[in-house]
């Protein structure tokens, strides 16, 4: 019997550690399985066969994303209800992730090789996308550069203000010196 593992899974309440193979009899049943449908998967097992295996494991929530599927059919989700995996309604290519308290959404990806991907977000509209480690590092780098630019602009503003103040002092000194050289009228 060939056991297909999910492309990603979440097991709540476990330490964040590296492992080669997740053994349900040791670590417990995943709370969430995520399957990315691809042509090579279809040759090994159908999605229905995978769902049967996830159901046999007792997985509470399953999400499948087919990047090549038609819009409106790319995202599917199932919940364990009364011992059965029951497909839920997915609206506008978004569905809640009950396990994580977030939303699965199909969203654009800022890369050249993908135009959309399965993402986690804070709401069904895709606001508050959860960043990948690479995106987080890029955002931190951009924030640091923006901070450096703000600091540079502030220093330039301070320098310009100082130069303007010195120019005004020089102008006032010249003006004062010019007045003092005028002859005084006698009374």
Protein backbone atom coordinates (compact mmCIF):
# COMPACT_ATOMS: atom_id res chain seq x y z
CA UNK A 1 0.00 0.00 0.00
CA UNK A 2 1.41 3.37 -1.04
CA UNK A 3 0.84 6.11 1.56
CA UNK A 4 0.90 9.55 0.03
CA UNK A 5 1.86 12.26 2.47
CA UNK A 6 0.32 15.72 2.22
CA UNK A 7 2.34 18.54 0.70
CA UNK A 8 2.02 20.45 3.97
CA UNK A 9 0.38 19.83 7.31
CA UNK A 10 -0.14 21.41 10.71
CA UNK A 11 -0.14 19.60 14.02
CA UNK A 12 -1.08 22.00 16.78
CA UNK A 13 0.54 21.74 20.19
CA UNK A 14 3.80 20.21 19.01
CA UNK A 15 7.27 21.74 19.24
CA UNK A 16 8.67 23.33 16.09
CA UNK A 17 11.35 20.79 15.20
CA UNK A 18 12.83 19.30 12.04
CA UNK A 19 11.94 15.71 11.18
CA UNK A 20 12.47 13.37 8.27
CA UNK A 21 9.12 11.58 8.41
CA UNK A 22 6.04 12.41 10.46
CA UNK A 23 4.75 9.27 12.12
CA UNK A 24 1.14 9.68 13.21
CA UNK A 25 1.50 6.87 15.75
CA UNK A 26 4.22 8.95 17.45
CA UNK A 27 3.39 12.60 16.76
CA UNK A 28 -0.36 12.31 16.35
CA UNK A 29 -2.75 12.99 13.51
CA UNK A 30 -2.27 16.33 11.73
CA UNK A 31 -4.99 18.88 12.38
CA UNK A 32 -4.73 20.26 8.84
CA UNK A 33 -3.43 18.76 5.58
CA UNK A 34 -2.76 20.88 2.50
CA UNK A 35 -2.52 19.25 -0.91
CA UNK A 36 -1.16 21.03 -3.99
CA UNK A 37 -2.57 19.18 -6.99
CA UNK A 38 -0.06 18.59 -9.78
CA UNK A 39 0.10 16.37 -12.86
CA UNK A 40 2.61 14.03 -11.18
CA UNK A 41 0.23 13.56 -8.24
CA UNK A 42 -2.58 12.52 -10.57
CA UNK A 43 -0.40 9.68 -11.87
CA UNK A 44 0.29 8.30 -8.36
CA UNK A 45 -3.02 8.85 -6.59
CA UNK A 46 -6.19 10.71 -7.33
CA UNK A 47 -7.38 13.42 -4.99
CA UNK A 48 -10.21 11.10 -3.92
CA UNK A 49 -7.68 8.42 -2.95
CA UNK A 50 -5.68 10.97 -0.96
CA UNK A 51 -8.84 12.16 0.78
CA UNK A 52 -9.60 8.56 1.75
CA UNK A 53 -6.15 8.26 3.33
CA UNK A 54 -6.46 11.60 5.15
CA UNK A 55 -9.88 10.49 6.39
CA UNK A 56 -8.40 7.19 7.60
CA UNK A 57 -5.78 9.19 9.54
CA UNK A 58 -8.54 11.27 11.14
CA UNK A 59 -7.43 14.64 9.76
CA UNK A 60 -9.90 17.36 10.82
CA UNK A 61 -9.36 19.76 7.90
CA UNK A 62 -8.09 19.25 4.35
CA UNK A 63 -7.43 21.95 1.75
CA UNK A 64 -6.54 21.25 -1.88
CA UNK A 65 -5.21 23.79 -4.36
CA UNK A 66 -5.03 23.10 -8.09
CA UNK A 67 -2.94 25.89 -9.64
CA UNK A 68 -3.93 24.75 -13.14
CA UNK A 69 -7.63 24.51 -12.32
CA UNK A 70 -10.29 26.85 -13.62
CA UNK A 71 -10.95 29.96 -11.50
CA UNK A 72 -13.63 29.05 -9.01
CA UNK A 73 -12.46 25.40 -8.90
CA UNK A 74 -8.83 25.87 -7.88
CA UNK A 75 -9.52 25.79 -4.13
CA UNK A 76 -11.43 23.05 -2.33
CA UNK A 77 -11.75 22.23 1.38
CA UNK A 78 -13.12 19.44 3.58
CA UNK A 79 -13.93 19.20 7.28
CA UNK A 80 -14.28 16.16 9.50
CA UNK A 81 -17.97 16.17 10.45
CA UNK A 82 -19.45 13.28 12.42
CA UNK A 83 -16.63 11.00 11.29
CA UNK A 84 -16.81 11.92 7.58
CA UNK A 85 -14.75 14.34 5.50
CA UNK A 86 -17.39 16.69 4.11
CA UNK A 87 -16.58 19.18 1.36
CA UNK A 88 -17.36 22.74 2.33
CA UNK A 89 -18.51 25.58 0.08
CA UNK A 90 -15.64 27.77 -1.12
CA UNK A 91 -16.72 31.27 -2.07
CA UNK A 92 -14.71 33.58 -4.37
CA UNK A 93 -11.62 31.39 -4.05
CA UNK A 94 -11.38 31.93 -0.31
CA UNK A 95 -12.24 29.68 2.61
CA UNK A 96 -11.59 29.90 6.32
CA UNK A 97 -8.75 27.87 7.80
CA UNK A 98 -10.51 26.61 10.90
CA UNK A 99 -7.30 25.14 12.31
CA UNK A 100 -5.33 28.39 12.24
CA UNK A 101 -8.07 31.02 12.51
CA UNK A 102 -7.01 32.55 9.19
CA UNK A 103 -8.22 32.33 5.58
CA UNK A 104 -6.94 30.38 2.61
CA UNK A 105 -7.07 32.62 -0.46
CA UNK A 106 -5.90 32.44 -4.05
CA UNK A 107 -3.76 35.54 -4.39
CA UNK A 108 -1.26 37.04 -6.82
CA UNK A 109 2.40 36.34 -6.17
CA UNK A 110 5.05 39.00 -6.75
CA UNK A 111 7.32 36.66 -8.72
CA UNK A 112 7.85 36.11 -12.42
CA UNK A 113 7.16 32.37 -12.37
CA UNK A 114 3.73 32.39 -10.63
CA UNK A 115 0.71 34.57 -11.21
CA UNK A 116 -1.29 33.16 -8.26
CA UNK A 117 -0.79 30.87 -5.29
CA UNK A 118 -2.52 29.48 -2.23
CA UNK A 119 -1.88 31.94 0.60
CA UNK A 120 -2.96 32.44 4.18
CA UNK A 121 -4.51 35.81 5.00
CA UNK A 122 -6.28 37.58 7.83
CA UNK A 123 -9.55 37.86 5.89
CA UNK A 124 -11.41 36.47 2.88
CA UNK A 125 -10.38 39.41 0.69
CA UNK A 126 -6.71 38.56 1.09
CA UNK A 127 -5.83 41.44 3.40
CA UNK A 128 -2.97 40.75 5.77
CA UNK A 129 -1.28 38.03 3.73
CA UNK A 130 0.96 35.89 5.93
CA UNK A 131 4.46 36.45 4.61
CA UNK A 132 6.85 33.67 3.75
CA UNK A 133 10.30 33.84 5.40
CA UNK A 134 11.74 35.20 2.14
CA UNK A 135 9.01 37.86 1.87
CA UNK A 136 9.47 38.76 5.55
CA UNK A 137 13.25 39.19 5.06
CA UNK A 138 12.62 41.36 1.98
CA UNK A 139 10.04 43.46 3.86
CA UNK A 140 12.49 43.94 6.75
CA UNK A 141 15.24 44.94 4.30
CA UNK A 142 12.90 47.41 2.56
CA UNK A 143 11.85 48.83 5.95
CA UNK A 144 15.50 49.27 6.94
CA UNK A 145 16.26 51.00 3.63
CA UNK A 146 13.22 53.24 4.07
CA UNK A 147 14.43 54.09 7.58
CA UNK A 148 17.88 54.94 6.24
CA UNK A 149 16.30 57.11 3.53
CA UNK A 150 14.14 58.93 6.13
CA UNK A 151 17.27 59.51 8.22
CA UNK A 152 19.18 60.83 5.18
CA UNK A 153 16.31 63.19 4.27
CA UNK A 154 16.08 64.40 7.89
CA UNK A 155 19.85 65.10 8.02
CA UNK A 156 19.62 66.94 4.69
CA UNK A 157 16.69 69.02 6.01
CA UNK A 158 18.65 69.84 9.20
CA UNK A 159 21.72 70.80 7.12
CA UNK A 160 19.61 73.07 4.89
CA UNK A 161 18.01 74.72 7.94
CA UNK A 162 21.44 75.28 9.50
CA UNK A 163 22.77 76.79 6.25
CA UNK A 164 19.70 79.04 6.02
CA UNK A 165 20.16 80.16 9.65
CA UNK A 166 23.86 80.90 9.07
CA UNK A 167 23.00 82.85 5.91
CA UNK A 168 20.41 84.88 7.86
CA UNK A 169 22.97 85.63 10.61
CA UNK A 170 25.48 86.75 7.98
CA UNK A 171 22.83 88.96 6.34
CA UNK A 172 21.93 90.51 9.68
CA UNK A 173 25.59 91.15 10.50
CA UNK A 174 26.07 92.85 7.15
CA UNK A 175 22.94 94.91 7.64
CA UNK A 176 23.98 95.91 11.18
CA UNK A 177 27.48 96.75 10.05
CA UNK A 178 26.16 98.95 7.22
CA UNK A 179 23.94 100.95 9.59
CA UNK A 180 26.73 101.54 12.07
CA UNK A 181 28.91 103.13 9.38
CA UNK A 182 26.35 105.85 8.64
CA UNK A 183 27.12 109.20 10.21
CA UNK A 184 24.97 110.15 13.15
CA UNK A 185 22.94 113.29 13.05
CA UNK A 186 23.76 115.77 15.71
CA UNK A 187 21.11 117.37 17.81
